[in-house]
Amino acid sequence: MIHFGCGSSHNDQEKIKMKIFVGSLSWNTTDEGLRQAFERFGEIDYVRVVTDRETGRSRGFGFVTFRNRDEGQNAIESMNGTELDGRTIKVDEAKENRGGGRGGDRFQSRNRW
């Protein structure tokens, strides 16, 4: 008898991407600077420093998406509370923001600082 599994294995779980929130960024931190700070932890799919639509100025936070959840978790644990461009940054797993607000990105940190 042949059984076809429908569930996902532990290996599949490890391959799930992880989007992390990076807060308290310097106004001078760029997408490329954020990428350079986090790329040592693994393969990155996406990096974005969120900017004001009208002024183009950084809003002081951004997002980094890792291809591998374990790499993202390692980045959170290693980078939270460290200095980037002269500021102590806050790093956490991003969660979808289902509330209203002023537009912008749909994700935020799980923690409120």
C-alpha atoms as a PDB file:
ATOM      1  CA  MET A   1       0.000   0.000   0.000  1.00  0.00           C
ATOM      2  CA  ILE A   2       1.289   3.477  -0.888  1.00  0.00           C
ATOM      3  CA  HIS A   3       0.641   6.462   1.382  1.00  0.00           C
ATOM      4  CA  PHE A   4       0.905   9.976   0.056  1.00  0.00           C
ATOM      5  CA  GLY A   5       1.688  12.524   2.750  1.00  0.00           C
ATOM      6  CA  CYS A   6      -0.170  15.790   2.804  1.00  0.00           C
ATOM      7  CA  GLY A   7       1.597  17.413   5.730  1.00  0.00           C
ATOM      8  CA  SER A   8       4.765  19.439   5.581  1.00  0.00           C
ATOM      9  CA  SER A   9       7.958  18.115   7.045  1.00  0.00           C
ATOM     10  CA  HIS A  10      10.214  19.861   9.523  1.00  0.00           C
ATOM     11  CA  ASN A  11      12.588  20.525   6.622  1.00  0.00           C
ATOM     12  CA  ASP A  12       9.846  22.393   4.731  1.00  0.00           C
ATOM     13  CA  GLN A  13       9.148  24.517   7.813  1.00  0.00           C
ATOM     14  CA  GLU A  14      12.773  25.656   7.934  1.00  0.00           C
ATOM     15  CA  LYS A  15      12.571  26.939   4.370  1.00  0.00           C
ATOM     16  CA  ILE A  16       9.755  29.382   5.114  1.00  0.00           C
ATOM     17  CA  LYS A  17      10.756  33.006   4.625  1.00  0.00           C
ATOM     18  CA  MET A  18      10.909  35.399   7.556  1.00  0.00           C
ATOM     19  CA  LYS A  19      10.219  39.126   7.376  1.00  0.00           C
ATOM     20  CA  ILE A  20      11.838  41.140  10.131  1.00  0.00           C
ATOM     21  CA  PHE A  21      11.143  44.670  11.328  1.00  0.00           C
ATOM     22  CA  VAL A  22      14.082  46.999  11.953  1.00  0.00           C
ATOM     23  CA  GLY A  23      13.215  50.108  13.981  1.00  0.00           C
ATOM     24  CA  SER A  24      15.012  53.209  15.280  1.00  0.00           C
ATOM     25  CA  LEU A  25      16.980  53.558  12.051  1.00  0.00           C
ATOM     26  CA  SER A  26      19.064  56.629  11.353  1.00  0.00           C
ATOM     27  CA  TRP A  27      17.546  59.014   8.809  1.00  0.00           C
ATOM     28  CA  ASN A  28      20.685  58.288   6.753  1.00  0.00           C
ATOM     29  CA  THR A  29      20.289  54.499   6.568  1.00  0.00           C
ATOM     30  CA  THR A  30      19.596  53.361   2.996  1.00  0.00           C
ATOM     31  CA  ASP A  31      18.206  50.135   1.558  1.00  0.00           C
ATOM     32  CA  GLU A  32      21.746  49.145   0.581  1.00  0.00           C
ATOM     33  CA  GLY A  33      23.131  49.978   4.038  1.00  0.00           C
ATOM     34  CA  LEU A  34      20.412  47.891   5.671  1.00  0.00           C
ATOM     35  CA  ARG A  35      21.151  44.998   3.300  1.00  0.00           C
ATOM     36  CA  GLN A  36      24.865  45.168   4.078  1.00  0.00           C
ATOM     37  CA  ALA A  37      24.176  45.101   7.822  1.00  0.00           C
ATOM     38  CA  PHE A  38      22.047  41.933   7.580  1.00  0.00           C
ATOM     39  CA  GLU A  39      23.430  39.937   4.642  1.00  0.00           C
ATOM     40  CA  ARG A  40      25.982  38.118   6.796  1.00  0.00           C
ATOM     41  CA  PHE A  41      23.104  36.179   8.371  1.00  0.00           C
ATOM     42  CA  GLY A  42      21.899  34.575   5.137  1.00  0.00           C
ATOM     43  CA  GLU A  43      20.185  35.021   1.798  1.00  0.00           C
ATOM     44  CA  ILE A  44      17.971  38.082   1.639  1.00  0.00           C
ATOM     45  CA  ASP A  45      14.981  38.348  -0.702  1.00  0.00           C
ATOM     46  CA  TYR A  46      13.924  41.900   0.042  1.00  0.00           C
ATOM     47  CA  VAL A  47      15.112  45.008   1.880  1.00  0.00           C
ATOM     48  CA  ARG A  48      13.251  48.275   2.289  1.00  0.00           C
ATOM     49  CA  VAL A  49      13.764  51.387   4.371  1.00  0.00           C
ATOM     50  CA  VAL A  50      10.289  52.927   4.555  1.00  0.00           C
ATOM     51  CA  THR A  51      10.152  56.542   3.400  1.00  0.00           C
ATOM     52  CA  ASP A  52       7.581  59.306   3.638  1.00  0.00           C
ATOM     53  CA  ARG A  53       5.636  59.531   0.379  1.00  0.00           C
ATOM     54  CA  GLU A  54       5.687  63.322   0.288  1.00  0.00           C
ATOM     55  CA  THR A  55       9.208  64.140   1.466  1.00  0.00           C
ATOM     56  CA  GLY A  56      11.075  60.966   0.494  1.00  0.00           C
ATOM     57  CA  ARG A  57      12.732  61.053   3.926  1.00  0.00           C
ATOM     58  CA  SER A  58      13.198  57.860   5.937  1.00  0.00           C
ATOM     59  CA  ARG A  59      10.487  57.152   8.497  1.00  0.00           C
ATOM     60  CA  GLY A  60      13.083  55.496  10.746  1.00  0.00           C
ATOM     61  CA  PHE A  61      12.181  51.870  10.160  1.00  0.00           C
ATOM     62  CA  GLY A  62      12.475  49.184   7.529  1.00  0.00           C
ATOM     63  CA  PHE A  63      12.091  45.515   6.695  1.00  0.00           C
ATOM     64  CA  VAL A  64      14.390  42.675   5.715  1.00  0.00           C
ATOM     65  CA  THR A  65      13.031  39.383   4.359  1.00  0.00           C
ATOM     66  CA  PHE A  66      15.228  36.319   4.702  1.00  0.00           C
ATOM     67  CA  ARG A  67      14.719  33.235   2.520  1.00  0.00           C
ATOM     68  CA  ASN A  68      15.198  31.005   5.561  1.00  0.00           C
ATOM     69  CA  ARG A  69      13.380  31.390   8.878  1.00  0.00           C
ATOM     70  CA  ASP A  70      16.369  30.219  10.941  1.00  0.00           C
ATOM     71  CA  GLU A  71      18.597  32.852   9.338  1.00  0.00           C
ATOM     72  CA  GLY A  72      16.020  35.533  10.094  1.00  0.00           C
ATOM     73  CA  GLN A  73      15.767  34.414  13.717  1.00  0.00           C
ATOM     74  CA  ASN A  74      19.554  34.477  14.031  1.00  0.00           C
ATOM     75  CA  ALA A  75      19.593  38.025  12.628  1.00  0.00           C
ATOM     76  CA  ILE A  76      16.986  39.143  15.176  1.00  0.00           C
ATOM     77  CA  GLU A  77      18.898  37.649  18.092  1.00  0.00           C
ATOM     78  CA  SER A  78      22.239  39.023  16.898  1.00  0.00           C
ATOM     79  CA  MET A  79      21.217  42.503  15.727  1.00  0.00           C
ATOM     80  CA  ASN A  80      18.570  43.640  18.229  1.00  0.00           C
ATOM     81  CA  GLY A  81      20.087  46.352  20.421  1.00  0.00           C
ATOM     82  CA  THR A  82      23.172  46.838  18.245  1.00  0.00           C
ATOM     83  CA  GLU A  83      24.298  50.058  16.610  1.00  0.00           C
ATOM     84  CA  LEU A  84      23.759  50.881  12.937  1.00  0.00           C
ATOM     85  CA  ASP A  85      24.695  54.265  11.491  1.00  0.00           C
ATOM     86  CA  GLY A  86      25.040  55.734  14.989  1.00  0.00           C
ATOM     87  CA  ARG A  87      21.666  54.514  16.321  1.00  0.00           C
ATOM     88  CA  THR A  88      20.726  51.567  18.536  1.00  0.00           C
ATOM     89  CA  ILE A  89      18.316  49.549  16.412  1.00  0.00           C
ATOM     90  CA  LYS A  90      15.363  47.406  17.438  1.00  0.00           C
ATOM     91  CA  VAL A  91      14.917  44.177  15.497  1.00  0.00           C
ATOM     92  CA  ASP A  92      11.981  41.760  15.726  1.00  0.00           C
ATOM     93  CA  GLU A  93       9.845  39.501  13.582  1.00  0.00           C
ATOM     94  CA  ALA A  94       7.385  41.574  11.559  1.00  0.00           C
ATOM     95  CA  LYS A  95       3.695  40.866  11.834  1.00  0.00           C
ATOM     96  CA  GLU A  96       0.948  41.953   9.505  1.00  0.00           C
ATOM     97  CA  ASN A  97      -0.762  45.146  10.635  1.00  0.00           C
ATOM     98  CA  ARG A  98      -4.476  44.703  10.064  1.00  0.00           C
ATOM     99  CA  GLY A  99      -5.451  48.071  11.503  1.00  0.00           C
ATOM    100  CA  GLY A 100      -6.063  51.354   9.733  1.00  0.00           C
ATOM    101  CA  GLY A 101      -3.438  54.001  10.000  1.00  0.00           C
ATOM    102  CA  ARG A 102      -1.795  56.420   7.633  1.00  0.00           C
ATOM    103  CA  GLY A 103      -1.002  53.933   4.898  1.00  0.00           C
ATOM    104  CA  GLY A 104       2.514  52.738   4.356  1.00  0.00           C
ATOM    105  CA  ASP A 105       3.710  49.230   4.984  1.00  0.00           C
ATOM    106  CA  ARG A 106       1.320  46.556   6.298  1.00  0.00           C
ATOM    107  CA  PHE A 107       3.884  45.056   8.629  1.00  0.00           C
ATOM    108  CA  GLN A 108       5.195  46.110  12.017  1.00  0.00           C
ATOM    109  CA  SER A 109       7.117  44.679  14.924  1.00  0.00           C
ATOM    110  CA  ARG A 110       5.411  42.158  17.190  1.00  0.00           C
ATOM    111  CA  ASN A 111       6.646  44.170  20.178  1.00  0.00           C
ATOM    112  CA  ARG A 112       5.855  47.741  21.106  1.00  0.00           C
ATOM    113  CA  TRP A 113       8.863  49.612  22.450  1.00  0.00           C
END
